[in-house]
C-alpha atoms as a PDB file:
ATOM      1  CA  UNK A   1       1.375 -17.836  18.704  1.00  0.00           C
ATOM      2  CA  UNK A   2       4.652 -19.740  18.838  1.00  0.00           C
ATOM      3  CA  UNK A   3       6.891 -21.187  16.176  1.00  0.00           C
ATOM      4  CA  UNK A   4       9.505 -23.092  18.157  1.00  0.00           C
ATOM      5  CA  UNK A   5      11.872 -23.585  15.202  1.00  0.00           C
ATOM      6  CA  UNK A   6      12.064 -23.263  11.447  1.00  0.00           C
ATOM      7  CA  UNK A   7      10.526 -26.688  10.866  1.00  0.00           C
ATOM      8  CA  UNK A   8       7.294 -25.476  12.506  1.00  0.00           C
ATOM      9  CA  UNK A   9       7.058 -22.890   9.724  1.00  0.00           C
ATOM     10  CA  UNK A  10       7.050 -25.542   6.976  1.00  0.00           C
ATOM     11  CA  UNK A  11       3.267 -25.905   7.148  1.00  0.00           C
ATOM     12  CA  UNK A  12       3.017 -22.187   6.404  1.00  0.00           C
ATOM     13  CA  UNK A  13       5.193 -22.350   3.292  1.00  0.00           C
ATOM     14  CA  UNK A  14       8.576 -21.399   4.751  1.00  0.00           C
ATOM     15  CA  UNK A  15      11.475 -23.680   3.848  1.00  0.00           C
ATOM     16  CA  UNK A  16      14.512 -23.835   6.108  1.00  0.00           C
ATOM     17  CA  UNK A  17      16.845 -23.131   3.189  1.00  0.00           C
ATOM     18  CA  UNK A  18      14.938 -20.013   2.114  1.00  0.00           C
ATOM     19  CA  UNK A  19      14.697 -18.776   5.703  1.00  0.00           C
ATOM     20  CA  UNK A  20      18.421 -19.182   6.382  1.00  0.00           C
ATOM     21  CA  UNK A  21      19.276 -17.405   3.109  1.00  0.00           C
ATOM     22  CA  UNK A  22      17.450 -14.322   4.342  1.00  0.00           C
ATOM     23  CA  UNK A  23      14.330 -14.449   2.194  1.00  0.00           C
ATOM     24  CA  UNK A  24      11.730 -13.341   4.723  1.00  0.00           C
ATOM     25  CA  UNK A  25       8.865 -12.505   2.339  1.00  0.00           C
ATOM     26  CA  UNK A  26       6.707 -15.409   3.540  1.00  0.00           C
ATOM     27  CA  UNK A  27       7.467 -14.843   7.234  1.00  0.00           C
ATOM     28  CA  UNK A  28       6.456 -11.193   6.821  1.00  0.00           C
ATOM     29  CA  UNK A  29       3.152 -12.368   5.357  1.00  0.00           C
ATOM     30  CA  UNK A  30       2.653 -14.668   8.360  1.00  0.00           C
ATOM     31  CA  UNK A  31       3.363 -11.775  10.718  1.00  0.00           C
ATOM     32  CA  UNK A  32       0.951  -9.527   8.852  1.00  0.00           C
ATOM     33  CA  UNK A  33      -1.760 -12.188   9.054  1.00  0.00           C
ATOM     34  CA  UNK A  34      -1.167 -12.654  12.799  1.00  0.00           C
ATOM     35  CA  UNK A  35      -1.449  -8.903  13.377  1.00  0.00           C
ATOM     36  CA  UNK A  36      -4.600  -8.770  11.254  1.00  0.00           C
ATOM     37  CA  UNK A  37      -6.078 -11.519  13.435  1.00  0.00           C
ATOM     38  CA  UNK A  38      -5.369  -9.362  16.521  1.00  0.00           C
ATOM     39  CA  UNK A  39      -2.592 -11.587  17.826  1.00  0.00           C
ATOM     40  CA  UNK A  40      -0.481  -9.463  20.153  1.00  0.00           C
ATOM     41  CA  UNK A  41       2.773 -11.407  20.035  1.00  0.00           C
ATOM     42  CA  UNK A  42       4.618 -14.220  18.334  1.00  0.00           C
ATOM     43  CA  UNK A  43       7.625 -16.280  19.345  1.00  0.00           C
ATOM     44  CA  UNK A  44       9.614 -17.001  16.219  1.00  0.00           C
ATOM     45  CA  UNK A  45      12.920 -18.668  15.351  1.00  0.00           C
ATOM     46  CA  UNK A  46      16.022 -16.582  14.805  1.00  0.00           C
ATOM     47  CA  UNK A  47      17.531 -16.978  11.326  1.00  0.00           C
ATOM     48  CA  UNK A  48      21.144 -16.558  12.431  1.00  0.00           C
ATOM     49  CA  UNK A  49      21.291 -18.183  15.858  1.00  0.00           C
ATOM     50  CA  UNK A  50      19.771 -21.003  17.872  1.00  0.00           C
ATOM     51  CA  UNK A  51      17.590 -18.532  19.720  1.00  0.00           C
ATOM     52  CA  UNK A  52      14.026 -17.379  19.528  1.00  0.00           C
ATOM     53  CA  UNK A  53      12.717 -13.862  19.037  1.00  0.00           C
ATOM     54  CA  UNK A  54       9.673 -12.245  20.568  1.00  0.00           C
ATOM     55  CA  UNK A  55       7.741 -10.126  18.091  1.00  0.00           C
ATOM     56  CA  UNK A  56       5.252  -7.777  19.729  1.00  0.00           C
ATOM     57  CA  UNK A  57       2.419  -6.057  17.900  1.00  0.00           C
ATOM     58  CA  UNK A  58       2.073  -3.239  20.402  1.00  0.00           C
ATOM     59  CA  UNK A  59      -1.032  -1.826  18.759  1.00  0.00           C
ATOM     60  CA  UNK A  60      -2.728  -5.196  19.339  1.00  0.00           C
ATOM     61  CA  UNK A  61      -1.840  -5.510  23.031  1.00  0.00           C
ATOM     62  CA  UNK A  62      -4.666  -4.083  25.087  1.00  0.00           C
ATOM     63  CA  UNK A  63      -2.807  -3.736  28.385  1.00  0.00           C
ATOM     64  CA  UNK A  64       0.734  -2.534  27.749  1.00  0.00           C
ATOM     65  CA  UNK A  65       1.192  -1.864  31.471  1.00  0.00           C
ATOM     66  CA  UNK A  66       0.979  -5.622  32.064  1.00  0.00           C
ATOM     67  CA  UNK A  67       4.184  -6.218  30.066  1.00  0.00           C
ATOM     68  CA  UNK A  68       7.149  -6.881  32.322  1.00  0.00           C
ATOM     69  CA  UNK A  69      10.710  -7.929  31.697  1.00  0.00           C
ATOM     70  CA  UNK A  70      12.010 -11.048  33.323  1.00  0.00           C
ATOM     71  CA  UNK A  71      15.297 -12.900  33.242  1.00  0.00           C
ATOM     72  CA  UNK A  72      17.396  -9.974  32.083  1.00  0.00           C
ATOM     73  CA  UNK A  73      21.073 -10.668  31.483  1.00  0.00           C
ATOM     74  CA  UNK A  74      23.999  -8.922  29.888  1.00  0.00           C
ATOM     75  CA  UNK A  75      25.467 -10.321  26.700  1.00  0.00           C
ATOM     76  CA  UNK A  76      29.153 -10.157  25.908  1.00  0.00           C
ATOM     77  CA  UNK A  77      28.724  -9.384  22.192  1.00  0.00           C
ATOM     78  CA  UNK A  78      32.395  -9.795  21.167  1.00  0.00           C
ATOM     79  CA  UNK A  79      32.505 -13.238  22.816  1.00  0.00           C
ATOM     80  CA  UNK A  80      29.177 -14.176  21.241  1.00  0.00           C
ATOM     81  CA  UNK A  81      30.386 -13.201  17.747  1.00  0.00           C
ATOM     82  CA  UNK A  82      33.583 -15.160  18.288  1.00  0.00           C
ATOM     83  CA  UNK A  83      31.606 -18.247  19.328  1.00  0.00           C
ATOM     84  CA  UNK A  84      29.614 -18.017  16.089  1.00  0.00           C
ATOM     85  CA  UNK A  85      32.810 -17.801  14.044  1.00  0.00           C
ATOM     86  CA  UNK A  86      34.281 -20.827  15.788  1.00  0.00           C
ATOM     87  CA  UNK A  87      31.188 -22.931  14.893  1.00  0.00           C
ATOM     88  CA  UNK A  88      31.817 -22.551  11.148  1.00  0.00           C
END
């Protein structure tokens, strides 16, 4: 299941304003429903950056050995934080 950005969550009752303010009650309900439906993972928007997050429901993934990491890179966290400050 993939939600490419916040606007894709509108149909599920999540407004962009509420999401960016940190009210995640509805997104938690969506995650709980996905887990209940045996969905093993979701790609979801990040509330504080223009990135996406991967949420894994490890108890719903039947073959954990099949999980592999790809495209691993280091992040310069001080530079990243500074870039966020300069955007404001």
